[in-house]
Amino acid sequence: MNDLINEPDAPRLIFGLRDTGYNVRTAAADIIDNSIAAKAGTINVEIVLHEDGRKLVYFGDDGDGMEAAGVYRAMRYGAPERENPESLGKFGLGLKTASSSVCLKFTVISRKGPDQELAKLAWDLDHVAERKKWEMLREPVTANESEMFDELCGKKGTLVIWEKCDRILSKDYEAGGTKEQAAIKRLAESLAKHVSLVYHRFLDKSDKRERDIEIFINQSPVVAWNPFYPKRSEQVLPDKKQQLVVELPDGSEEIASIRAWILPHRRDMTKDEELAYARISNRAQGFYVYREGRLIQDGGWMGVFGVPEPHTSLLRIEFDFGHELDDAFKIDVKKSRILLDPGLEDGLKELLQPFYREAGNRYRRTNRQQANNANGIDHTSANKNIADTTNATKAQVAAVDPTTQSAVVSNNLGPKIRIKQSVQNYVSAETIHVEAVETITTGELWQPALRSSGDSGHVPAVLLNRHHDFYQKIYQRAAANGYAVEGMDLLLWAFAVAEQNNTNDELEPIFQDIREEISSNLRKLLRNLPDPEPNDLAEEEEA
């Protein structure tokens, strides 16, 4: 006897392998992977709830099928490596670990042609626990199983059955009751949504990158959902940068491909369009990783960029690789994620950084325009306060020249001081002292001005830059608080008027530099503060 042979404890290991991180959707996808690997053209999934609460899931395909020996090999934990390395199956564990994550008994029934007998084997975890050994069940094919095979597979193919499904629902319901029926219906809908994304290249007949298949869940066809919405999105990565050379440990090189998509802002779509084709969210941004055409990771930045933020939610990266790069990317057993080498992370960050910024800029521009249109900030109180305060210290305007945008004033530096100044005529009397405008292109938060409503002379005023981060992130959030807005208005008006009252042609550049430096520092300080969402503004107004 070889005392170095140390076989694992069957019950402990087979039950331990139930907890490898699957959920019902990812487990079902692993079964579908096997059907695609078997060259199936049609895959049927049926989720059945019996009146007594028993739940069964059937996966039937019309693929190549297996004889008895093939079924035996497929049911082995650590099944032999497939002949085709491009197969979506990789480790020989998916069928077993995926199935047992949901149920305590799973069965495989298969045949290669109509003239063959159905071959059947099952794993029953309770049986393994009782026998304390790696022992499968060889039971006769029941009439119901034969009928389901004919219905879901046809003349040949493979039928996988999940029974004793103790983990198919996340909570307990009255067995077979109305609530449990509704939960099963929601599960079928959730699975269809997952499958429509994971296999969209196979389901979309217009996508020629993969062969066509059809998938039905509870007899309803699954419709492909392309996460990049190419009909309306912009592919921003130049063609010459869409191939990445990845060096393998042995020094050889393989190619991965990459494309970057910026989706339209949800404000530029109808609600129905956004829900149907784009599904914009924080979680949905980032990398969509495909192995041999099958999506294995949807969303997230994989360490290339930081935590997903709303302002980058329009950017999605399409990342493709073949089986040759499995080891380089350390693909996991569930085929649900990859790990990037730190050097590749750095390269991807450098490649994608411009588009990461551009996506953020587009998001902010649209958000800000909408916020400006829908959530106008009221500067009336400040204008009224300034108009009523007649003893504020300010320059006295002697003359203005709108053509040269200059004026002659008397200020603390003396009489008849000529200054360059924004001169505006015929403005609204209600906003003559303080107004937010879109015409400031220098990046400054505020600029002094001399303004007239036409009925009187020009008075000192301040123009606020609607596009500055301070206005978008602070003013917008304070919009519902009149005192806060008035206080900021009065402060910036006082800065502008003090500049007019203490400047001349020599000091003007210094004051401008001060404005620019303050405005720049404010942008830096507010960089990590997100723009307020319209919903946030509405909640603040209600509060």
Protein backbone atom coordinates (compact mmCIF):
# COMPACT_ATOMS: atom_id res chain seq x y z
CA MET A 1 0.00 0.00 0.00
CA ASN A 2 1.33 3.43 -0.95
CA ASP A 3 1.03 5.58 2.15
CA LEU A 4 1.70 8.73 0.08
CA ILE A 5 -1.70 8.49 -1.64
CA ASN A 6 -3.89 10.87 0.34
CA GLU A 7 -7.33 11.04 -1.28
CA PRO A 8 -9.64 13.84 -0.19
CA ASP A 9 -12.61 13.15 2.04
CA ALA A 10 -15.47 12.80 -0.44
CA PRO A 11 -18.34 14.36 1.54
CA ARG A 12 -16.29 17.28 2.86
CA LEU A 13 -14.81 18.14 -0.52
CA ILE A 14 -17.94 17.70 -2.64
CA PHE A 15 -19.93 19.87 -0.23
CA GLY A 16 -17.06 22.37 0.08
CA LEU A 17 -16.98 22.81 -3.68
CA ARG A 18 -20.53 24.14 -3.53
CA ASP A 19 -19.11 27.44 -2.30
CA THR A 20 -16.85 28.49 -5.17
CA GLY A 21 -18.58 31.82 -5.78
CA TYR A 22 -21.31 30.97 -8.27
CA ASN A 23 -24.80 32.36 -8.27
CA VAL A 24 -27.69 30.86 -10.22
CA ARG A 25 -27.01 33.02 -13.28
CA THR A 26 -23.29 32.31 -13.51
CA ALA A 27 -23.87 28.62 -12.77
CA ALA A 28 -26.41 28.35 -15.58
CA ALA A 29 -23.99 30.10 -17.94
CA ASP A 30 -21.37 27.43 -17.19
CA ILE A 31 -23.81 24.75 -18.34
CA ILE A 32 -24.58 26.76 -21.48
CA ASP A 33 -20.83 26.99 -22.14
CA ASN A 34 -20.72 23.20 -22.39
CA SER A 35 -23.59 23.22 -24.88
CA ILE A 36 -21.80 25.77 -27.07
CA ALA A 37 -18.59 23.72 -26.82
CA ALA A 38 -20.61 20.73 -28.06
CA LYS A 39 -21.58 22.75 -31.18
CA ALA A 40 -25.22 23.15 -30.18
CA GLY A 41 -27.37 25.34 -32.39
CA THR A 42 -30.31 25.52 -30.00
CA ILE A 43 -30.22 25.54 -26.20
CA ASN A 44 -33.36 25.25 -24.08
CA VAL A 45 -33.58 26.09 -20.38
CA GLU A 46 -36.70 25.20 -18.41
CA ILE A 47 -37.19 26.24 -14.78
CA VAL A 48 -39.99 24.18 -13.24
CA LEU A 49 -41.77 24.69 -9.92
CA HIS A 50 -44.05 21.85 -8.82
CA GLU A 51 -47.08 22.29 -6.61
CA ASP A 52 -45.29 20.65 -3.70
CA GLY A 53 -42.43 23.18 -3.97
CA ARG A 54 -39.93 20.94 -5.76
CA LYS A 55 -37.81 22.94 -8.15
CA LEU A 56 -36.04 21.50 -11.19
CA VAL A 57 -34.00 23.12 -13.93
CA TYR A 58 -33.51 21.44 -17.32
CA PHE A 59 -30.78 22.39 -19.80
CA GLY A 60 -31.25 20.73 -23.18
CA ASP A 61 -29.13 21.18 -26.31
CA ASP A 62 -28.90 19.67 -29.79
CA GLY A 63 -25.12 19.47 -29.75
CA ASP A 64 -22.84 16.54 -30.50
CA GLY A 65 -23.96 14.53 -27.49
CA MET A 66 -21.97 11.77 -25.73
CA GLU A 67 -21.95 8.03 -25.44
CA ALA A 68 -21.85 6.37 -22.00
CA ALA A 69 -18.06 6.66 -21.68
CA GLY A 70 -18.23 10.34 -22.59
CA VAL A 71 -20.86 10.98 -19.93
CA TYR A 72 -18.64 9.22 -17.38
CA ARG A 73 -15.67 11.41 -18.29
CA ALA A 74 -17.77 14.58 -18.22
CA MET A 75 -19.02 13.77 -14.72
CA ARG A 76 -15.53 13.32 -13.32
CA TYR A 77 -14.35 16.17 -11.07
CA GLY A 78 -11.42 17.42 -13.14
CA ALA A 79 -12.65 15.98 -16.44
CA PRO A 80 -10.06 15.35 -19.19
CA GLU A 81 -8.92 18.36 -21.20
CA ARG A 82 -11.02 19.02 -24.29
CA GLU A 83 -9.48 18.40 -27.68
CA ASN A 84 -10.38 21.91 -28.86
CA PRO A 85 -8.45 24.50 -26.78
CA GLU A 86 -10.86 27.21 -27.94
CA SER A 87 -13.66 25.51 -26.01
CA LEU A 88 -15.50 27.68 -23.50
CA GLY A 89 -14.92 24.89 -20.96
CA LYS A 90 -11.45 25.02 -19.43
CA PHE A 91 -10.84 23.26 -16.11
CA GLY A 92 -13.11 20.22 -16.25
CA LEU A 93 -14.95 21.42 -13.15
CA GLY A 94 -17.67 23.74 -14.44
CA LEU A 95 -20.50 21.25 -14.87
CA LYS A 96 -19.99 19.83 -11.38
CA THR A 97 -19.16 22.92 -9.32
CA ALA A 98 -21.73 25.09 -11.09
CA SER A 99 -24.50 22.53 -10.66
CA SER A 100 -23.74 21.67 -7.03
CA SER A 101 -23.67 25.38 -6.14
CA VAL A 102 -27.43 25.39 -6.82
CA CYS A 103 -28.65 21.83 -6.19
CA LEU A 104 -27.85 18.64 -4.28
CA LYS A 105 -28.44 16.32 -7.23
CA PHE A 106 -27.56 16.83 -10.88
CA THR A 107 -27.96 14.44 -13.77
CA VAL A 108 -26.54 14.21 -17.27
CA ILE A 109 -28.42 12.34 -20.01
CA SER A 110 -26.94 12.23 -23.51
CA ARG A 111 -26.64 10.45 -26.83
CA LYS A 112 -24.80 11.05 -30.09
CA GLY A 113 -27.61 9.99 -32.42
CA PRO A 114 -31.21 8.74 -32.55
CA ASP A 115 -30.09 5.12 -32.91
CA GLN A 116 -28.27 5.17 -29.56
CA GLU A 117 -29.59 4.49 -26.08
CA LEU A 118 -29.68 7.41 -23.69
CA ALA A 119 -26.68 7.34 -21.35
CA LYS A 120 -27.31 8.66 -17.84
CA LEU A 121 -25.28 9.35 -14.69
CA ALA A 122 -25.97 11.51 -11.64
CA TRP A 123 -24.20 12.98 -8.66
CA ASP A 124 -26.28 13.07 -5.48
CA LEU A 125 -24.43 14.86 -2.70
CA ASP A 126 -26.59 13.24 -0.02
CA HIS A 127 -25.68 9.83 -1.46
CA VAL A 128 -21.97 10.73 -1.37
CA ALA A 129 -22.33 11.83 2.27
CA GLU A 130 -24.08 8.60 3.15
CA ARG A 131 -21.61 6.32 1.32
CA LYS A 132 -18.58 8.45 2.19
CA LYS A 133 -17.05 7.83 -1.21
CA TRP A 134 -16.96 9.33 -4.71
CA GLU A 135 -19.86 7.23 -5.95
CA MET A 136 -22.24 8.37 -8.68
CA LEU A 137 -25.72 7.02 -9.34
CA ARG A 138 -26.56 4.98 -12.45
CA GLU A 139 -30.35 5.07 -12.53
CA PRO A 140 -32.70 4.13 -15.37
CA VAL A 141 -33.98 6.95 -17.57
CA THR A 142 -37.52 7.78 -16.47
CA ALA A 143 -40.39 8.34 -18.86
CA ASN A 144 -40.45 12.03 -17.89
CA GLU A 145 -36.72 12.38 -18.54
CA SER A 146 -37.04 10.72 -21.92
CA GLU A 147 -39.90 13.05 -22.78
CA MET A 148 -37.91 16.11 -21.68
CA PHE A 149 -34.93 14.95 -23.74
CA ASP A 150 -37.08 14.66 -26.86
CA GLU A 151 -38.65 18.06 -26.20
CA LEU A 152 -35.49 20.02 -25.32
CA CYS A 153 -32.79 18.17 -27.29
CA GLY A 154 -34.39 16.31 -30.16
CA LYS A 155 -32.68 13.36 -31.78
CA LYS A 156 -29.29 13.95 -30.20
CA GLY A 157 -27.61 16.18 -27.67
CA THR A 158 -27.32 16.48 -23.90
CA LEU A 159 -29.81 17.09 -21.11
CA VAL A 160 -28.59 18.37 -17.72
CA ILE A 161 -31.08 18.25 -14.84
CA TRP A 162 -30.78 20.09 -11.54
CA GLU A 163 -32.85 18.50 -8.75
CA LYS A 164 -33.13 19.11 -5.00
CA CYS A 165 -32.46 22.79 -5.72
CA ASP A 166 -31.93 24.06 -2.19
CA ARG A 167 -30.07 27.21 -3.30
CA ILE A 168 -32.02 28.34 -6.34
CA LEU A 169 -33.90 31.05 -4.43
CA SER A 170 -32.36 33.42 -1.91
CA LYS A 171 -35.23 33.12 0.59
CA ASP A 172 -37.90 30.63 1.60
CA TYR A 173 -41.52 30.86 0.51
CA GLU A 174 -44.64 28.79 1.02
CA ALA A 175 -43.99 25.70 -1.09
CA GLY A 176 -45.52 26.14 -4.53
CA GLY A 177 -47.39 29.25 -3.41
CA THR A 178 -48.05 32.46 -5.29
CA LYS A 179 -44.98 34.23 -3.91
CA GLU A 180 -42.71 31.33 -4.80
CA GLN A 181 -44.14 31.24 -8.32
CA ALA A 182 -43.45 34.97 -8.66
CA ALA A 183 -39.89 34.43 -7.40
CA ILE A 184 -39.27 31.73 -10.00
CA LYS A 185 -40.62 34.04 -12.71
CA ARG A 186 -38.25 36.80 -11.59
CA LEU A 187 -35.39 34.31 -11.62
CA ALA A 188 -36.17 33.33 -15.22
CA GLU A 189 -36.26 36.98 -16.25
CA SER A 190 -32.97 37.70 -14.45
CA LEU A 191 -31.33 34.70 -16.09
CA ALA A 192 -32.55 35.78 -19.54
CA LYS A 193 -31.07 39.24 -18.96
CA HIS A 194 -27.73 37.72 -17.94
CA VAL A 195 -27.63 35.30 -20.87
CA SER A 196 -28.57 38.04 -23.35
CA LEU A 197 -25.40 39.91 -22.31
CA VAL A 198 -22.94 37.04 -21.84
CA TYR A 199 -23.69 35.43 -25.21
CA HIS A 200 -24.77 38.48 -27.21
CA ARG A 201 -22.24 37.81 -29.98
CA PHE A 202 -23.65 34.32 -30.47
CA LEU A 203 -27.29 35.46 -30.26
CA ASP A 204 -26.97 38.42 -32.64
CA LYS A 205 -27.26 37.11 -36.18
CA SER A 206 -25.77 40.34 -37.54
CA ASP A 207 -22.59 39.82 -35.48
CA LYS A 208 -20.34 37.61 -37.61
CA ARG A 209 -17.55 37.23 -35.05
CA GLU A 210 -19.19 34.10 -33.56
CA ARG A 211 -21.44 31.40 -34.93
CA ASP A 212 -25.19 31.80 -34.47
CA ILE A 213 -27.04 30.03 -31.67
CA GLU A 214 -30.53 30.29 -30.21
CA ILE A 215 -31.26 30.15 -26.49
CA PHE A 216 -34.75 29.78 -25.03
CA ILE A 217 -35.65 30.19 -21.36
CA ASN A 218 -39.05 28.81 -20.43
CA GLN A 219 -39.78 28.73 -24.18
CA SER A 220 -39.10 32.45 -24.65
CA PRO A 221 -36.24 33.35 -27.02
CA VAL A 222 -33.37 35.29 -25.48
CA VAL A 223 -32.61 38.47 -27.44
CA ALA A 224 -29.01 39.67 -27.66
CA TRP A 225 -28.11 42.76 -25.63
CA ASN A 226 -24.96 44.54 -26.79
CA PRO A 227 -23.57 46.64 -23.91
CA PHE A 228 -21.86 49.09 -26.27
CA TYR A 229 -25.04 50.24 -28.07
CA PRO A 230 -23.02 50.70 -31.29
CA LYS A 231 -25.95 52.27 -33.11
CA ARG A 232 -25.58 55.46 -31.07
CA SER A 233 -22.26 55.19 -29.23
CA GLU A 234 -18.92 56.47 -30.45
CA GLN A 235 -15.93 54.12 -30.78
CA VAL A 236 -13.11 56.48 -29.84
CA LEU A 237 -9.96 54.32 -29.93
CA PRO A 238 -8.07 54.67 -33.24
CA ASP A 239 -7.72 51.51 -35.36
CA LYS A 240 -3.94 51.41 -35.00
CA LYS A 241 -4.26 51.21 -31.20
CA GLN A 242 -6.84 48.43 -31.10
CA GLN A 243 -4.34 45.57 -30.80
CA LEU A 244 -2.28 44.84 -27.69
CA VAL A 245 0.80 42.63 -27.81
CA VAL A 246 0.96 40.54 -24.62
CA GLU A 247 4.16 38.73 -23.75
CA LEU A 248 3.75 35.23 -22.29
CA PRO A 249 6.02 33.74 -19.60
CA ASP A 250 7.91 31.72 -22.22
CA GLY A 251 8.76 34.88 -24.14
CA SER A 252 6.26 34.33 -26.97
CA GLU A 253 3.66 36.96 -27.83
CA GLU A 254 -0.09 36.88 -28.41
CA ILE A 255 -2.58 39.55 -29.42
CA ALA A 256 -5.49 40.90 -27.41
CA SER A 257 -7.83 43.46 -28.96
CA ILE A 258 -9.44 46.48 -27.38
CA ARG A 259 -12.04 49.08 -28.32
CA ALA A 260 -13.31 52.04 -26.29
CA TRP A 261 -16.93 53.18 -26.50
CA ILE A 262 -18.48 56.38 -25.15
CA LEU A 263 -22.24 55.95 -24.84
CA PRO A 264 -24.77 58.76 -25.21
CA HIS A 265 -25.76 60.51 -22.00
CA ARG A 266 -29.07 59.33 -20.59
CA ARG A 267 -30.36 62.91 -21.02
CA ASP A 268 -29.93 62.43 -24.77
CA MET A 269 -32.10 59.32 -24.82
CA THR A 270 -35.69 58.61 -23.94
CA LYS A 271 -36.18 56.68 -20.72
CA ASP A 272 -37.35 53.61 -22.65
CA GLU A 273 -34.36 53.80 -25.00
CA GLU A 274 -31.90 54.08 -22.11
CA LEU A 275 -33.41 51.10 -20.27
CA ALA A 276 -33.57 48.96 -23.39
CA TYR A 277 -30.19 49.66 -24.99
CA ALA A 278 -27.78 51.50 -22.66
CA ARG A 279 -28.53 50.83 -18.97
CA ILE A 280 -26.19 53.58 -17.78
CA SER A 281 -24.94 53.05 -14.23
CA ASN A 282 -21.79 53.25 -12.14
CA ARG A 283 -21.44 49.49 -12.11
CA ALA A 284 -21.81 49.18 -15.88
CA GLN A 285 -18.77 51.31 -16.75
CA GLY A 286 -15.34 49.87 -17.37
CA PHE A 287 -14.03 46.69 -18.94
CA TYR A 288 -16.14 44.10 -20.74
CA VAL A 289 -13.82 41.14 -21.12
CA TYR A 290 -14.43 38.43 -23.72
CA ARG A 291 -12.72 35.06 -23.93
CA GLU A 292 -13.35 33.33 -27.26
CA GLY A 293 -16.35 35.61 -27.83
CA ARG A 294 -18.03 34.81 -24.51
CA LEU A 295 -18.31 37.66 -21.97
CA ILE A 296 -16.57 36.72 -18.72
CA GLN A 297 -16.48 40.09 -16.95
CA ASP A 298 -18.87 43.02 -17.27
CA GLY A 299 -17.88 46.33 -15.78
CA GLY A 300 -15.22 47.49 -13.33
CA TRP A 301 -11.80 49.01 -13.96
CA MET A 302 -9.64 46.04 -12.86
CA GLY A 303 -7.13 48.32 -11.17
CA VAL A 304 -6.51 50.42 -14.29
CA PHE A 305 -8.55 53.32 -12.90
CA GLY A 306 -10.02 53.96 -9.47
CA VAL A 307 -13.46 53.40 -8.02
CA PRO A 308 -16.24 53.90 -10.60
CA GLU A 309 -17.63 57.44 -10.51
CA PRO A 310 -20.82 58.80 -12.08
CA HIS A 311 -18.90 61.12 -14.39
CA THR A 312 -17.18 58.17 -16.15
CA SER A 313 -20.31 56.03 -16.44
CA LEU A 314 -20.49 56.57 -20.22
CA LEU A 315 -17.20 54.76 -20.95
CA ARG A 316 -17.14 51.01 -21.69
CA ILE A 317 -14.07 49.10 -22.85
CA GLU A 318 -14.40 46.04 -25.12
CA PHE A 319 -11.47 43.70 -24.36
CA ASP A 320 -11.00 40.46 -26.34
CA PHE A 321 -8.60 37.58 -25.97
CA GLY A 322 -8.33 33.93 -26.98
CA HIS A 323 -7.47 30.79 -25.06
CA GLU A 324 -3.75 31.36 -25.74
CA LEU A 325 -3.79 34.10 -23.07
CA ASP A 326 -5.58 32.14 -20.35
CA ASP A 327 -2.44 31.67 -18.29
CA ALA A 328 -1.24 35.24 -18.86
CA PHE A 329 -4.53 36.63 -17.56
CA LYS A 330 -4.94 34.00 -14.79
CA ILE A 331 -8.53 33.24 -15.71
CA ASP A 332 -10.43 31.74 -12.76
CA VAL A 333 -12.45 28.52 -12.53
CA LYS A 334 -15.80 30.30 -12.98
CA LYS A 335 -14.40 32.13 -16.03
CA SER A 336 -15.77 35.28 -14.39
CA ARG A 337 -12.69 37.48 -14.11
CA ILE A 338 -9.09 37.95 -15.20
CA LEU A 339 -6.06 39.45 -13.48
CA LEU A 340 -3.88 41.95 -15.30
CA ASP A 341 -0.12 42.12 -15.00
CA PRO A 342 0.91 45.45 -13.37
CA GLY A 343 2.84 46.38 -16.52
CA LEU A 344 -0.25 45.82 -18.65
CA GLU A 345 -2.34 47.84 -16.19
CA ASP A 346 0.03 50.77 -16.65
CA GLY A 347 -0.04 50.42 -20.43
CA LEU A 348 -3.83 50.31 -20.52
CA LYS A 349 -4.06 53.35 -18.25
CA GLU A 350 -1.80 55.35 -20.55
CA LEU A 351 -3.74 54.18 -23.61
CA LEU A 352 -7.21 54.86 -22.20
CA GLN A 353 -6.59 57.96 -20.05
CA PRO A 354 -7.58 60.48 -22.78
CA PHE A 355 -10.89 58.70 -23.38
CA TYR A 356 -11.49 58.32 -19.63
CA ARG A 357 -11.19 62.10 -19.34
CA GLU A 358 -13.27 62.73 -22.45
CA ALA A 359 -16.10 60.52 -21.19
CA GLY A 360 -16.07 62.47 -17.92
CA ASN A 361 -16.12 65.78 -19.75
CA ARG A 362 -19.07 64.75 -21.91
CA TYR A 363 -20.99 63.55 -18.88
CA ARG A 364 -20.34 66.79 -16.99
CA ARG A 365 -21.22 69.03 -19.95
CA THR A 366 -24.57 67.38 -20.43
CA ASN A 367 -25.29 67.26 -16.70
CA ARG A 368 -24.34 70.87 -16.23
CA GLN A 369 -26.40 72.07 -19.16
CA GLN A 370 -29.40 70.20 -17.81
CA ALA A 371 -28.80 71.49 -14.29
CA ASN A 372 -28.48 75.06 -15.56
CA ASN A 373 -31.70 74.72 -17.54
CA ALA A 374 -33.75 72.90 -14.93
CA ASN A 375 -32.38 74.31 -11.70
CA GLY A 376 -31.90 78.02 -12.29
CA ILE A 377 -30.15 79.68 -9.35
CA ASP A 378 -31.92 82.77 -8.11
CA HIS A 379 -29.58 85.75 -7.66
CA THR A 380 -32.44 88.18 -7.04
CA SER A 381 -31.81 88.61 -3.30
CA ALA A 382 -28.20 89.65 -3.80
CA ASN A 383 -29.13 92.10 -6.55
CA LYS A 384 -31.81 93.68 -4.37
CA ASN A 385 -29.48 93.86 -1.36
CA ILE A 386 -26.73 95.55 -3.38
CA ALA A 387 -29.17 98.02 -4.94
CA ASP A 388 -30.49 98.96 -1.48
CA THR A 389 -27.02 99.37 0.03
CA THR A 390 -26.03 102.84 -1.05
CA ASN A 391 -23.01 103.28 1.20
CA ALA A 392 -20.86 100.41 -0.13
CA THR A 393 -17.37 101.59 -1.16
CA LYS A 394 -16.92 101.35 -4.92
CA ALA A 395 -15.38 103.13 -7.88
CA GLN A 396 -17.27 106.02 -9.42
CA VAL A 397 -17.78 105.62 -13.18
CA ALA A 398 -17.01 108.75 -15.21
CA ALA A 399 -17.24 107.30 -18.74
CA VAL A 400 -17.39 103.97 -20.57
CA ASP A 401 -16.40 102.84 -24.08
CA PRO A 402 -18.24 99.63 -25.12
CA THR A 403 -16.19 99.47 -28.34
CA THR A 404 -12.85 99.09 -26.54
CA GLN A 405 -14.38 97.52 -23.43
CA SER A 406 -12.81 100.13 -21.18
CA ALA A 407 -13.86 102.80 -18.71
CA VAL A 408 -12.67 105.87 -16.85
CA VAL A 409 -13.29 105.73 -13.11
CA SER A 410 -12.41 107.53 -9.92
CA ASN A 411 -11.11 105.07 -7.32
CA ASN A 412 -8.66 104.81 -4.42
CA LEU A 413 -5.73 105.39 -6.79
CA GLY A 414 -7.06 108.71 -8.02
CA PRO A 415 -9.45 110.37 -10.50
CA LYS A 416 -9.70 109.53 -14.19
CA ILE A 417 -8.18 106.08 -13.95
CA ARG A 418 -8.58 104.22 -17.23
CA ILE A 419 -9.23 100.50 -16.80
CA LYS A 420 -10.02 97.63 -19.15
CA GLN A 421 -13.42 96.33 -18.17
CA SER A 422 -16.36 94.36 -19.47
CA VAL A 423 -18.91 97.02 -20.36
CA GLN A 424 -22.52 95.92 -20.91
CA ASN A 425 -25.58 97.94 -21.82
CA TYR A 426 -29.31 97.25 -21.61
CA VAL A 427 -29.12 94.40 -19.13
CA SER A 428 -32.02 93.40 -16.91
CA ALA A 429 -32.41 95.67 -13.90
CA GLU A 430 -33.10 92.55 -11.81
CA THR A 431 -29.64 91.08 -12.51
CA ILE A 432 -27.62 94.23 -13.06
CA HIS A 433 -25.29 93.69 -10.09
CA VAL A 434 -24.84 89.89 -10.10
CA GLU A 435 -25.48 87.52 -13.00
CA ALA A 436 -24.32 84.02 -13.96
CA VAL A 437 -23.25 83.90 -17.61
CA GLU A 438 -21.88 81.39 -20.12
CA THR A 439 -19.55 83.84 -21.89
CA ILE A 440 -16.53 83.59 -19.57
CA THR A 441 -14.02 81.40 -21.42
CA THR A 442 -10.87 82.18 -19.42
CA GLY A 443 -11.63 79.65 -16.67
CA GLU A 444 -12.12 82.33 -14.02
CA LEU A 445 -14.95 81.92 -11.52
CA TRP A 446 -15.83 85.60 -11.64
CA GLN A 447 -15.05 88.79 -13.55
CA PRO A 448 -15.78 92.41 -12.64
CA ALA A 449 -17.99 94.39 -15.02
CA LEU A 450 -19.70 97.75 -15.48
CA ARG A 451 -23.35 97.37 -16.45
CA SER A 452 -26.30 99.56 -17.28
CA SER A 453 -29.98 98.78 -17.65
CA GLY A 454 -30.35 101.74 -20.02
CA ASP A 455 -32.29 103.89 -17.57
CA SER A 456 -29.25 105.01 -15.60
CA GLY A 457 -25.47 105.04 -15.66
CA HIS A 458 -23.15 102.09 -15.41
CA VAL A 459 -22.66 100.49 -12.00
CA PRO A 460 -20.02 98.05 -10.69
CA ALA A 461 -21.10 94.43 -11.06
CA VAL A 462 -19.82 90.86 -11.02
CA LEU A 463 -20.28 88.18 -13.67
CA LEU A 464 -20.22 84.53 -12.50
CA ASN A 465 -18.96 81.70 -14.68
CA ARG A 466 -21.74 79.10 -14.97
CA HIS A 467 -19.23 76.47 -16.13
CA HIS A 468 -16.77 76.76 -13.27
CA ASP A 469 -16.69 73.81 -10.86
CA PHE A 470 -17.50 76.09 -7.93
CA TYR A 471 -20.70 77.25 -9.57
CA GLN A 472 -21.68 73.73 -10.68
CA LYS A 473 -20.77 71.86 -7.52
CA ILE A 474 -21.29 74.42 -4.74
CA TYR A 475 -23.78 76.95 -6.07
CA GLN A 476 -26.01 74.22 -7.53
CA ARG A 477 -26.07 72.34 -4.23
CA ALA A 478 -26.86 75.58 -2.38
CA ALA A 479 -29.61 76.59 -4.82
CA ALA A 480 -32.40 75.68 -2.42
CA ASN A 481 -30.84 77.78 0.35
CA GLY A 482 -31.38 81.42 -0.56
CA TYR A 483 -29.11 82.76 2.19
CA ALA A 484 -26.18 80.60 1.05
CA VAL A 485 -26.53 81.76 -2.56
CA GLU A 486 -26.92 85.39 -1.51
CA GLY A 487 -23.87 85.14 0.75
CA MET A 488 -21.65 83.79 -2.04
CA ASP A 489 -23.02 86.41 -4.46
CA LEU A 490 -22.24 89.25 -2.07
CA LEU A 491 -18.74 87.93 -1.40
CA LEU A 492 -17.83 87.72 -5.08
CA TRP A 493 -19.46 91.08 -5.83
CA ALA A 494 -17.36 92.60 -3.02
CA PHE A 495 -14.18 91.07 -4.51
CA ALA A 496 -15.03 92.45 -7.96
CA VAL A 497 -15.88 95.93 -6.68
CA ALA A 498 -12.73 96.05 -4.53
CA GLU A 499 -10.67 95.24 -7.61
CA GLN A 500 -12.33 98.08 -9.57
CA ASN A 501 -11.71 100.46 -6.70
CA ASN A 502 -7.99 99.64 -6.35
CA THR A 503 -6.70 99.06 -9.87
CA ASN A 504 -5.09 100.86 -12.76
CA ASP A 505 -3.39 99.81 -15.98
CA GLU A 506 -0.32 98.56 -14.08
CA LEU A 507 -2.21 96.61 -11.42
CA GLU A 508 -4.84 95.10 -13.72
CA PRO A 509 -2.62 92.12 -14.73
CA ILE A 510 -1.92 91.39 -11.06
CA PHE A 511 -5.62 91.34 -10.16
CA GLN A 512 -6.28 89.12 -13.17
CA ASP A 513 -3.54 86.72 -12.05
CA ILE A 514 -5.09 86.62 -8.58
CA ARG A 515 -8.52 85.80 -10.03
CA GLU A 516 -7.04 83.09 -12.23
CA GLU A 517 -5.06 81.57 -9.35
CA ILE A 518 -8.04 81.51 -7.00
CA SER A 519 -10.23 80.01 -9.72
CA SER A 520 -7.60 77.38 -10.55
CA ASN A 521 -7.12 76.41 -6.92
CA LEU A 522 -10.87 76.07 -6.44
CA ARG A 523 -11.03 73.70 -9.43
CA LYS A 524 -8.26 71.58 -7.93
CA LEU A 525 -9.89 71.52 -4.51
CA LEU A 526 -13.23 70.49 -6.00
CA ARG A 527 -11.87 67.95 -8.49
CA ASN A 528 -12.90 64.94 -6.42
CA LEU A 529 -16.29 66.33 -5.49
CA PRO A 530 -18.82 64.90 -7.98
CA ASP A 531 -21.28 67.05 -9.85
CA PRO A 532 -24.68 66.94 -8.18
CA GLU A 533 -27.16 64.69 -9.95
CA PRO A 534 -30.53 66.27 -10.81
CA ASN A 535 -32.16 63.83 -8.37
CA ASP A 536 -29.85 65.09 -5.62
CA LEU A 537 -30.85 68.67 -6.35
CA ALA A 538 -34.53 67.76 -6.23
CA GLU A 539 -34.08 66.05 -2.86
CA GLU A 540 -32.25 69.08 -1.45
CA GLU A 541 -35.04 71.37 -2.62
CA GLU A 542 -37.64 69.13 -0.96
CA ALA A 543 -35.61 69.08 2.26
